[in-house]
Amino acid sequence: MFEIRVICDPADTERVTTALNGMFATGAVRQYPTRDGERTRLYFTADHRPELGPWPTPEEAYVLAPSMVSEIGWTAQTAADKPFGEDLDREYWLRKAALLDRIALQGETDGFHGDACEAATEAALQLVAFDLAGEGDYFGAPYWPDCPTTAAEPRGYVRQEYAYWVKNH
């Protein structure tokens, strides 16, 4: 365990706290003004985060998934049935991201790395953004939507969330 001290502009306090919480297992932040009163001192008791382990493999994540044809039909019908101006729910974004990930994985297996990979990554980022906005009921173990590893590999986050969802749905 160790302690981190940060001196920053008061407007940066939330951003610094969020970044450190993402990188370390931190205790409650203690906050004090600097002697000149113009900046803020932040003190964190911190420890290294345990190694989180690997993402679920596609085989683990999609073992219980319906066929891709069925999922294409479900996502298209769900989007078509939603009244104009009404937001789609987390299940839609999760199933769409998982479907596009599966399509991209099939393309990668066949040696194609193009539009499907980009579409899968974009859909994964939409799911992460949805979860970061607090709109969804994400599983988040071991990787939370605000984890730096999630930002680096959003399709892994989709697999983690889908594997949990499909087993508990």
N, C-alpha and C. Protein backbone atom coordinates (compact mmCIF):
# COMPACT_ATOMS: atom_id res chain seq x y z
N MET A 1 0.85 -1.17 0.00
CA MET A 1 0.00 0.00 0.00
C MET A 1 0.90 1.23 0.00
N PHE A 2 0.44 2.31 -0.61
CA PHE A 2 1.21 3.54 -0.68
C PHE A 2 0.26 4.72 -0.72
N GLU A 3 0.82 5.91 -0.58
CA GLU A 3 0.01 7.12 -0.60
C GLU A 3 0.41 7.98 -1.78
N ILE A 4 -0.57 8.59 -2.41
CA ILE A 4 -0.35 9.48 -3.54
C ILE A 4 -0.81 10.87 -3.13
N ARG A 5 0.02 11.87 -3.41
CA ARG A 5 -0.37 13.25 -3.18
C ARG A 5 -0.37 13.96 -4.53
N VAL A 6 -1.44 14.68 -4.80
CA VAL A 6 -1.57 15.43 -6.05
C VAL A 6 -1.92 16.86 -5.70
N ILE A 7 -1.27 17.79 -6.34
CA ILE A 7 -1.64 19.20 -6.22
C ILE A 7 -2.15 19.61 -7.59
N CYS A 8 -3.37 20.10 -7.62
CA CYS A 8 -3.98 20.41 -8.92
C CYS A 8 -4.93 21.60 -8.80
N ASP A 9 -5.36 22.06 -9.94
CA ASP A 9 -6.38 23.10 -10.01
C ASP A 9 -7.69 22.51 -9.48
N PRO A 10 -8.47 23.25 -8.71
CA PRO A 10 -9.73 22.70 -8.20
C PRO A 10 -10.66 22.17 -9.29
N ALA A 11 -10.61 22.73 -10.47
CA ALA A 11 -11.47 22.26 -11.57
C ALA A 11 -11.06 20.88 -12.06
N ASP A 12 -9.82 20.47 -11.78
CA ASP A 12 -9.32 19.17 -12.25
C ASP A 12 -9.49 18.06 -11.22
N THR A 13 -10.03 18.36 -10.07
CA THR A 13 -10.12 17.40 -8.98
C THR A 13 -10.86 16.12 -9.39
N GLU A 14 -12.02 16.27 -9.99
CA GLU A 14 -12.83 15.11 -10.38
C GLU A 14 -12.10 14.26 -11.41
N ARG A 15 -11.50 14.91 -12.40
CA ARG A 15 -10.79 14.19 -13.46
C ARG A 15 -9.60 13.41 -12.89
N VAL A 16 -8.84 14.03 -11.99
CA VAL A 16 -7.69 13.37 -11.38
C VAL A 16 -8.16 12.19 -10.52
N THR A 17 -9.20 12.40 -9.74
CA THR A 17 -9.73 11.34 -8.88
C THR A 17 -10.20 10.15 -9.71
N THR A 18 -10.92 10.42 -10.78
CA THR A 18 -11.41 9.35 -11.65
C THR A 18 -10.26 8.58 -12.28
N ALA A 19 -9.26 9.30 -12.75
CA ALA A 19 -8.11 8.64 -13.39
C ALA A 19 -7.37 7.75 -12.40
N LEU A 20 -7.13 8.24 -11.20
CA LEU A 20 -6.41 7.42 -10.22
C LEU A 20 -7.24 6.23 -9.76
N ASN A 21 -8.55 6.43 -9.61
CA ASN A 21 -9.42 5.30 -9.25
C ASN A 21 -9.41 4.23 -10.33
N GLY A 22 -9.24 4.63 -11.59
CA GLY A 22 -9.17 3.67 -12.68
C GLY A 22 -7.87 2.89 -12.71
N MET A 23 -6.81 3.49 -12.20
CA MET A 23 -5.49 2.86 -12.27
C MET A 23 -5.10 2.09 -11.01
N PHE A 24 -5.65 2.51 -9.87
CA PHE A 24 -5.29 1.90 -8.60
C PHE A 24 -6.54 1.60 -7.80
N ALA A 25 -6.40 0.71 -6.84
CA ALA A 25 -7.45 0.49 -5.85
C ALA A 25 -7.22 1.56 -4.79
N THR A 26 -8.09 2.55 -4.73
CA THR A 26 -7.87 3.69 -3.84
C THR A 26 -8.91 3.72 -2.72
N GLY A 27 -8.48 4.33 -1.62
CA GLY A 27 -9.40 4.60 -0.53
C GLY A 27 -10.07 5.94 -0.78
N ALA A 28 -10.74 6.42 0.24
CA ALA A 28 -11.41 7.72 0.12
C ALA A 28 -10.36 8.81 -0.07
N VAL A 29 -10.67 9.75 -0.93
CA VAL A 29 -9.76 10.87 -1.17
C VAL A 29 -9.91 11.90 -0.06
N ARG A 30 -8.76 12.41 0.39
CA ARG A 30 -8.77 13.51 1.36
C ARG A 30 -8.37 14.76 0.60
N GLN A 31 -9.09 15.82 0.80
CA GLN A 31 -8.92 17.03 -0.01
C GLN A 31 -8.71 18.23 0.90
N TYR A 32 -7.64 19.01 0.59
CA TYR A 32 -7.31 20.20 1.37
C TYR A 32 -6.87 21.30 0.41
N PRO A 33 -7.08 22.55 0.79
CA PRO A 33 -6.55 23.64 -0.04
C PRO A 33 -5.03 23.74 0.15
N THR A 34 -4.33 24.25 -0.85
CA THR A 34 -2.90 24.51 -0.70
C THR A 34 -2.73 25.74 0.18
N ARG A 35 -1.51 26.02 0.59
CA ARG A 35 -1.26 27.17 1.48
C ARG A 35 -1.66 28.48 0.84
N ASP A 36 -1.45 28.57 -0.48
CA ASP A 36 -1.82 29.82 -1.15
C ASP A 36 -3.31 29.90 -1.46
N GLY A 37 -4.03 28.80 -1.24
CA GLY A 37 -5.47 28.77 -1.43
C GLY A 37 -5.92 28.73 -2.89
N GLU A 38 -4.98 28.65 -3.82
CA GLU A 38 -5.34 28.67 -5.23
C GLU A 38 -5.48 27.28 -5.85
N ARG A 39 -4.89 26.29 -5.22
CA ARG A 39 -4.97 24.93 -5.75
C ARG A 39 -5.47 24.00 -4.67
N THR A 40 -5.62 22.74 -5.04
CA THR A 40 -6.14 21.73 -4.11
C THR A 40 -5.12 20.62 -3.95
N ARG A 41 -4.96 20.17 -2.70
CA ARG A 41 -4.13 18.99 -2.43
C ARG A 41 -5.05 17.79 -2.27
N LEU A 42 -4.74 16.72 -2.97
CA LEU A 42 -5.51 15.48 -2.87
C LEU A 42 -4.58 14.40 -2.34
N TYR A 43 -5.07 13.63 -1.37
CA TYR A 43 -4.30 12.52 -0.82
C TYR A 43 -5.11 11.24 -1.01
N PHE A 44 -4.46 10.24 -1.57
CA PHE A 44 -5.09 8.94 -1.81
C PHE A 44 -4.26 7.86 -1.14
N THR A 45 -4.90 6.96 -0.43
CA THR A 45 -4.26 5.72 -0.04
C THR A 45 -4.56 4.75 -1.17
N ALA A 46 -3.51 4.14 -1.72
CA ALA A 46 -3.70 3.33 -2.92
C ALA A 46 -2.95 2.02 -2.83
N ASP A 47 -3.36 1.12 -3.68
CA ASP A 47 -2.68 -0.15 -3.84
C ASP A 47 -2.83 -0.55 -5.30
N HIS A 48 -1.93 -1.40 -5.74
CA HIS A 48 -2.02 -1.87 -7.12
C HIS A 48 -3.28 -2.72 -7.27
N ARG A 49 -3.91 -2.58 -8.41
CA ARG A 49 -5.07 -3.42 -8.68
C ARG A 49 -4.58 -4.84 -8.96
N PRO A 50 -5.32 -5.84 -8.52
CA PRO A 50 -4.92 -7.21 -8.84
C PRO A 50 -5.03 -7.44 -10.35
N GLU A 51 -4.23 -8.37 -10.84
CA GLU A 51 -4.34 -8.73 -12.25
C GLU A 51 -5.75 -9.24 -12.51
N LEU A 52 -6.35 -8.73 -13.54
CA LEU A 52 -7.76 -9.03 -13.79
C LEU A 52 -7.98 -10.31 -14.56
N GLY A 53 -7.01 -10.78 -15.25
CA GLY A 53 -7.18 -11.99 -16.03
C GLY A 53 -7.64 -11.67 -17.44
N PRO A 54 -7.73 -12.69 -18.25
CA PRO A 54 -8.06 -12.46 -19.66
C PRO A 54 -9.56 -12.22 -19.86
N TRP A 55 -9.86 -11.63 -21.01
CA TRP A 55 -11.26 -11.49 -21.43
C TRP A 55 -11.81 -12.88 -21.75
N PRO A 56 -13.11 -13.06 -21.72
CA PRO A 56 -13.66 -14.33 -22.20
C PRO A 56 -13.31 -14.51 -23.67
N THR A 57 -13.02 -15.72 -24.04
CA THR A 57 -12.77 -16.00 -25.46
C THR A 57 -14.10 -15.89 -26.20
N PRO A 58 -14.06 -15.70 -27.52
CA PRO A 58 -15.31 -15.68 -28.27
C PRO A 58 -16.11 -16.97 -28.07
N GLU A 59 -15.42 -18.10 -28.00
CA GLU A 59 -16.12 -19.37 -27.79
C GLU A 59 -16.84 -19.39 -26.45
N GLU A 60 -16.20 -18.87 -25.40
CA GLU A 60 -16.84 -18.81 -24.08
C GLU A 60 -18.01 -17.82 -24.08
N ALA A 61 -17.81 -16.69 -24.71
CA ALA A 61 -18.82 -15.64 -24.67
C ALA A 61 -20.07 -16.01 -25.46
N TYR A 62 -19.88 -16.66 -26.60
CA TYR A 62 -20.99 -16.87 -27.53
C TYR A 62 -21.49 -18.31 -27.59
N VAL A 63 -21.08 -19.14 -26.65
CA VAL A 63 -21.49 -20.54 -26.66
C VAL A 63 -23.02 -20.70 -26.57
N LEU A 64 -23.69 -19.83 -25.85
CA LEU A 64 -25.15 -19.92 -25.70
C LEU A 64 -25.91 -18.94 -26.59
N ALA A 65 -25.19 -18.27 -27.46
CA ALA A 65 -25.82 -17.25 -28.31
C ALA A 65 -26.71 -17.88 -29.38
N PRO A 66 -27.82 -17.21 -29.70
CA PRO A 66 -28.63 -17.68 -30.83
C PRO A 66 -27.84 -17.55 -32.13
N SER A 67 -28.37 -18.11 -33.19
CA SER A 67 -27.68 -18.01 -34.48
C SER A 67 -27.56 -16.55 -34.89
N MET A 68 -26.57 -16.28 -35.73
CA MET A 68 -26.37 -14.90 -36.20
C MET A 68 -27.58 -14.44 -37.01
N VAL A 69 -28.20 -15.33 -37.77
CA VAL A 69 -29.38 -14.96 -38.55
C VAL A 69 -30.51 -14.53 -37.62
N SER A 70 -30.69 -15.27 -36.54
CA SER A 70 -31.71 -14.92 -35.55
C SER A 70 -31.43 -13.56 -34.91
N GLU A 71 -30.17 -13.31 -34.59
CA GLU A 71 -29.80 -12.04 -33.97
C GLU A 71 -29.94 -10.87 -34.94
N ILE A 72 -29.64 -11.09 -36.20
CA ILE A 72 -29.85 -10.04 -37.21
C ILE A 72 -31.33 -9.67 -37.25
N GLY A 73 -32.17 -10.68 -37.26
CA GLY A 73 -33.61 -10.44 -37.27
C GLY A 73 -34.08 -9.71 -36.03
N TRP A 74 -33.56 -10.12 -34.86
CA TRP A 74 -33.98 -9.50 -33.61
C TRP A 74 -33.56 -8.03 -33.57
N THR A 75 -32.30 -7.72 -33.92
CA THR A 75 -31.84 -6.34 -33.85
C THR A 75 -32.59 -5.46 -34.85
N ALA A 76 -32.81 -5.97 -36.05
CA ALA A 76 -33.54 -5.19 -37.06
C ALA A 76 -34.97 -4.94 -36.60
N GLN A 77 -35.64 -5.95 -36.08
CA GLN A 77 -37.03 -5.81 -35.64
C GLN A 77 -37.13 -4.88 -34.44
N THR A 78 -36.21 -5.00 -33.51
CA THR A 78 -36.22 -4.14 -32.32
C THR A 78 -36.04 -2.68 -32.71
N ALA A 79 -35.09 -2.41 -33.61
CA ALA A 79 -34.87 -1.02 -34.05
C ALA A 79 -36.09 -0.50 -34.81
N ALA A 80 -36.72 -1.35 -35.63
CA ALA A 80 -37.88 -0.92 -36.41
C ALA A 80 -39.11 -0.67 -35.54
N ASP A 81 -39.25 -1.43 -34.47
CA ASP A 81 -40.42 -1.32 -33.60
C ASP A 81 -40.35 -0.15 -32.62
N LYS A 82 -39.17 0.42 -32.44
CA LYS A 82 -39.00 1.50 -31.47
C LYS A 82 -39.63 2.77 -32.02
N PRO A 83 -40.53 3.41 -31.27
CA PRO A 83 -41.12 4.66 -31.73
C PRO A 83 -40.05 5.73 -31.96
N PHE A 84 -40.28 6.57 -32.95
CA PHE A 84 -39.33 7.62 -33.30
C PHE A 84 -39.05 8.51 -32.09
N GLY A 85 -37.76 8.74 -31.84
CA GLY A 85 -37.35 9.61 -30.75
C GLY A 85 -37.17 8.89 -29.43
N GLU A 86 -37.59 7.64 -29.35
CA GLU A 86 -37.43 6.88 -28.11
C GLU A 86 -36.10 6.13 -28.16
N ASP A 87 -35.37 6.16 -27.05
CA ASP A 87 -34.06 5.53 -27.00
C ASP A 87 -34.17 4.02 -26.93
N LEU A 88 -33.18 3.37 -27.52
CA LEU A 88 -33.09 1.91 -27.43
C LEU A 88 -32.45 1.55 -26.10
N ASP A 89 -32.77 0.37 -25.58
CA ASP A 89 -32.26 -0.02 -24.27
C ASP A 89 -30.93 -0.75 -24.37
N ARG A 90 -30.38 -1.08 -23.22
CA ARG A 90 -29.07 -1.72 -23.16
C ARG A 90 -29.06 -3.07 -23.85
N GLU A 91 -30.12 -3.84 -23.72
CA GLU A 91 -30.16 -5.16 -24.37
C GLU A 91 -29.92 -5.02 -25.87
N TYR A 92 -30.54 -4.01 -26.48
CA TYR A 92 -30.34 -3.80 -27.92
C TYR A 92 -28.87 -3.52 -28.22
N TRP A 93 -28.25 -2.58 -27.48
CA TRP A 93 -26.86 -2.22 -27.76
C TRP A 93 -25.92 -3.38 -27.49
N LEU A 94 -26.20 -4.17 -26.47
CA LEU A 94 -25.36 -5.33 -26.16
C LEU A 94 -25.48 -6.39 -27.25
N ARG A 95 -26.71 -6.73 -27.62
CA ARG A 95 -26.90 -7.78 -28.63
C ARG A 95 -26.39 -7.34 -30.00
N LYS A 96 -26.57 -6.06 -30.33
CA LYS A 96 -26.04 -5.56 -31.60
C LYS A 96 -24.51 -5.63 -31.60
N ALA A 97 -23.87 -5.18 -30.52
CA ALA A 97 -22.41 -5.21 -30.44
C ALA A 97 -21.89 -6.65 -30.51
N ALA A 98 -22.57 -7.57 -29.81
CA ALA A 98 -22.15 -8.97 -29.85
C ALA A 98 -22.33 -9.55 -31.25
N LEU A 99 -23.42 -9.25 -31.91
CA LEU A 99 -23.64 -9.73 -33.27
C LEU A 99 -22.55 -9.23 -34.21
N LEU A 100 -22.25 -7.94 -34.15
CA LEU A 100 -21.22 -7.39 -35.03
C LEU A 100 -19.84 -7.95 -34.68
N ASP A 101 -19.60 -8.23 -33.41
CA ASP A 101 -18.34 -8.87 -33.02
C ASP A 101 -18.24 -10.27 -33.62
N ARG A 102 -19.33 -11.02 -33.58
CA ARG A 102 -19.34 -12.37 -34.16
C ARG A 102 -19.12 -12.33 -35.67
N ILE A 103 -19.74 -11.37 -36.33
CA ILE A 103 -19.55 -11.22 -37.78
C ILE A 103 -18.10 -10.88 -38.08
N ALA A 104 -17.52 -9.96 -37.30
CA ALA A 104 -16.12 -9.58 -37.50
C ALA A 104 -15.19 -10.75 -37.22
N LEU A 105 -15.48 -11.52 -36.19
CA LEU A 105 -14.65 -12.69 -35.89
C LEU A 105 -14.67 -13.70 -37.04
N GLN A 106 -15.85 -13.88 -37.63
CA GLN A 106 -15.95 -14.79 -38.78
C GLN A 106 -15.10 -14.27 -39.94
N GLY A 107 -15.16 -12.97 -40.18
CA GLY A 107 -14.34 -12.38 -41.23
C GLY A 107 -12.86 -12.50 -40.94
N GLU A 108 -12.47 -12.29 -39.69
CA GLU A 108 -11.06 -12.43 -39.31
C GLU A 108 -10.59 -13.86 -39.50
N THR A 109 -11.44 -14.83 -39.19
CA THR A 109 -11.10 -16.23 -39.41
C THR A 109 -10.87 -16.51 -40.88
N ASP A 110 -11.66 -15.85 -41.73
CA ASP A 110 -11.53 -16.03 -43.17
C ASP A 110 -10.45 -15.15 -43.78
N GLY A 111 -9.76 -14.36 -42.95
CA GLY A 111 -8.66 -13.53 -43.44
C GLY A 111 -9.04 -12.12 -43.84
N PHE A 112 -10.26 -11.68 -43.52
CA PHE A 112 -10.69 -10.33 -43.87
C PHE A 112 -10.66 -9.44 -42.63
N HIS A 113 -10.03 -8.30 -42.77
CA HIS A 113 -9.97 -7.33 -41.67
C HIS A 113 -10.38 -5.98 -42.24
N GLY A 114 -11.65 -5.70 -42.25
CA GLY A 114 -12.10 -4.47 -42.88
C GLY A 114 -13.26 -3.85 -42.17
N ASP A 115 -14.30 -3.58 -42.93
CA ASP A 115 -15.47 -2.86 -42.42
C ASP A 115 -16.13 -3.55 -41.24
N ALA A 116 -16.18 -4.87 -41.25
CA ALA A 116 -16.84 -5.59 -40.15
C ALA A 116 -16.11 -5.37 -38.84
N CYS A 117 -14.79 -5.35 -38.87
CA CYS A 117 -14.01 -5.10 -37.65
C CYS A 117 -14.26 -3.68 -37.14
N GLU A 118 -14.28 -2.74 -38.05
CA GLU A 118 -14.55 -1.35 -37.66
C GLU A 118 -15.96 -1.20 -37.10
N ALA A 119 -16.93 -1.84 -37.73
CA ALA A 119 -18.32 -1.76 -37.25
C ALA A 119 -18.45 -2.40 -35.87
N ALA A 120 -17.76 -3.53 -35.66
CA ALA A 120 -17.80 -4.20 -34.36
C ALA A 120 -17.18 -3.33 -33.28
N THR A 121 -16.07 -2.70 -33.59
CA THR A 121 -15.43 -1.81 -32.61
C THR A 121 -16.30 -0.61 -32.30
N GLU A 122 -16.91 -0.03 -33.32
CA GLU A 122 -17.79 1.12 -33.11
C GLU A 122 -19.01 0.73 -32.26
N ALA A 123 -19.59 -0.42 -32.52
CA ALA A 123 -20.73 -0.87 -31.72
C ALA A 123 -20.31 -1.14 -30.27
N ALA A 124 -19.11 -1.69 -30.10
CA ALA A 124 -18.59 -1.93 -28.75
C ALA A 124 -18.42 -0.61 -28.01
N LEU A 125 -17.89 0.39 -28.71
CA LEU A 125 -17.72 1.71 -28.09
C LEU A 125 -19.06 2.34 -27.73
N GLN A 126 -20.09 2.09 -28.54
CA GLN A 126 -21.43 2.59 -28.21
C GLN A 126 -21.95 1.95 -26.93
N LEU A 127 -21.71 0.64 -26.77
CA LEU A 127 -22.14 -0.04 -25.54
C LEU A 127 -21.38 0.52 -24.34
N VAL A 128 -20.07 0.70 -24.48
CA VAL A 128 -19.27 1.25 -23.38
C VAL A 128 -19.79 2.64 -23.01
N ALA A 129 -20.05 3.47 -24.01
CA ALA A 129 -20.57 4.83 -23.75
C ALA A 129 -21.92 4.77 -23.05
N PHE A 130 -22.78 3.85 -23.47
CA PHE A 130 -24.09 3.67 -22.84
C PHE A 130 -23.90 3.33 -21.36
N ASP A 131 -22.98 2.39 -21.09
CA ASP A 131 -22.75 1.98 -19.71
C ASP A 131 -22.08 3.08 -18.89
N LEU A 132 -21.17 3.82 -19.50
CA LEU A 132 -20.52 4.93 -18.80
C LEU A 132 -21.52 6.03 -18.43
N ALA A 133 -22.53 6.21 -19.26
CA ALA A 133 -23.55 7.23 -19.00
C ALA A 133 -24.48 6.81 -17.87
N GLY A 134 -24.31 5.58 -17.38
CA GLY A 134 -25.16 5.11 -16.29
C GLY A 134 -26.53 4.68 -16.75
N GLU A 135 -26.67 4.45 -18.04
CA GLU A 135 -27.97 4.07 -18.59
C GLU A 135 -28.26 2.59 -18.38
N GLY A 136 -27.21 1.78 -18.33
CA GLY A 136 -27.41 0.35 -18.32
C GLY A 136 -27.13 -0.29 -16.98
N ASP A 137 -27.43 -1.57 -16.91
CA ASP A 137 -27.19 -2.37 -15.73
C ASP A 137 -26.10 -3.36 -16.10
N TYR A 138 -24.87 -2.86 -16.17
CA TYR A 138 -23.78 -3.71 -16.63
C TYR A 138 -23.26 -4.59 -15.51
N PHE A 139 -22.63 -5.68 -15.93
CA PHE A 139 -22.07 -6.66 -15.01
C PHE A 139 -20.75 -6.14 -14.45
N GLY A 140 -19.81 -5.79 -15.35
CA GLY A 140 -18.59 -5.12 -14.97
C GLY A 140 -17.57 -5.88 -14.17
N ALA A 141 -17.55 -7.19 -14.24
CA ALA A 141 -16.53 -7.91 -13.50
C ALA A 141 -15.80 -8.87 -14.41
N PRO A 142 -14.53 -8.78 -14.51
CA PRO A 142 -13.66 -7.92 -13.71
C PRO A 142 -13.44 -6.53 -14.32
N TYR A 143 -13.86 -6.31 -15.56
CA TYR A 143 -13.58 -5.04 -16.22
C TYR A 143 -14.81 -4.14 -16.23
N TRP A 144 -14.71 -2.96 -15.63
CA TRP A 144 -15.78 -1.98 -15.61
C TRP A 144 -15.71 -1.16 -16.89
N PRO A 145 -16.77 -0.45 -17.26
CA PRO A 145 -16.72 0.33 -18.50
C PRO A 145 -15.70 1.46 -18.48
N ASP A 146 -15.32 1.94 -17.28
CA ASP A 146 -14.33 3.02 -17.22
C ASP A 146 -12.91 2.52 -17.00
N CYS A 147 -12.71 1.23 -17.07
CA CYS A 147 -11.38 0.64 -16.91
C CYS A 147 -10.53 0.95 -18.15
N PRO A 148 -9.26 1.32 -17.97
CA PRO A 148 -8.41 1.58 -19.14
C PRO A 148 -8.30 0.39 -20.09
N THR A 149 -8.38 -0.81 -19.55
CA THR A 149 -8.32 -2.00 -20.40
C THR A 149 -9.55 -2.09 -21.30
N THR A 150 -10.69 -1.65 -20.81
CA THR A 150 -11.91 -1.62 -21.62
C THR A 150 -11.76 -0.65 -22.77
N ALA A 151 -11.19 0.51 -22.49
CA ALA A 151 -10.97 1.50 -23.55
C ALA A 151 -10.03 0.96 -24.61
N ALA A 152 -9.05 0.17 -24.20
CA ALA A 152 -8.09 -0.38 -25.15
C ALA A 152 -8.66 -1.54 -25.95
N GLU A 153 -9.61 -2.26 -25.38
CA GLU A 153 -10.17 -3.44 -26.05
C GLU A 153 -11.68 -3.52 -25.83
N PRO A 154 -12.44 -2.64 -26.48
CA PRO A 154 -13.88 -2.61 -26.23
C PRO A 154 -14.61 -3.88 -26.68
N ARG A 155 -14.11 -4.57 -27.67
CA ARG A 155 -14.77 -5.82 -28.08
C ARG A 155 -14.64 -6.89 -27.00
N GLY A 156 -13.56 -6.88 -26.24
CA GLY A 156 -13.43 -7.78 -25.10
C GLY A 156 -14.49 -7.48 -24.05
N TYR A 157 -14.76 -6.20 -23.85
CA TYR A 157 -15.81 -5.79 -22.90
C TYR A 157 -17.16 -6.33 -23.35
N VAL A 158 -17.44 -6.27 -24.64
CA VAL A 158 -18.70 -6.80 -25.17
C VAL A 158 -18.80 -8.29 -24.85
N ARG A 159 -17.74 -9.03 -25.06
CA ARG A 159 -17.75 -10.48 -24.79
C ARG A 159 -17.99 -10.76 -23.32
N GLN A 160 -17.34 -9.99 -22.45
CA GLN A 160 -17.54 -10.16 -21.01
C GLN A 160 -19.00 -9.92 -20.64
N GLU A 161 -19.55 -8.81 -21.11
CA GLU A 161 -20.92 -8.45 -20.77
C GLU A 161 -21.93 -9.41 -21.38
N TYR A 162 -21.68 -9.84 -22.62
CA TYR A 162 -22.61 -10.75 -23.29
C TYR A 162 -22.59 -12.12 -22.60
N ALA A 163 -21.40 -12.61 -22.25
CA ALA A 163 -21.31 -13.92 -21.58
C ALA A 163 -22.12 -13.92 -20.29
N TYR A 164 -22.03 -12.84 -19.52
CA TYR A 164 -22.81 -12.74 -18.30
C TYR A 164 -24.30 -12.63 -18.61
N TRP A 165 -24.64 -11.75 -19.56
CA TRP A 165 -26.05 -11.51 -19.90
C TRP A 165 -26.73 -12.77 -20.38
N VAL A 166 -26.12 -13.49 -21.31
CA VAL A 166 -26.78 -14.64 -21.91
C VAL A 166 -26.98 -15.77 -20.88
N LYS A 167 -26.10 -15.88 -19.90
CA LYS A 167 -26.26 -16.88 -18.86
C LYS A 167 -27.33 -16.52 -17.85
N ASN A 168 -27.60 -15.23 -17.71
CA ASN A 168 -28.54 -14.75 -16.69
C ASN A 168 -29.81 -14.16 -17.25
N HIS A 169 -30.02 -14.29 -18.53
CA HIS A 169 -31.20 -13.69 -19.17
C HIS A 169 -32.32 -14.69 -19.25
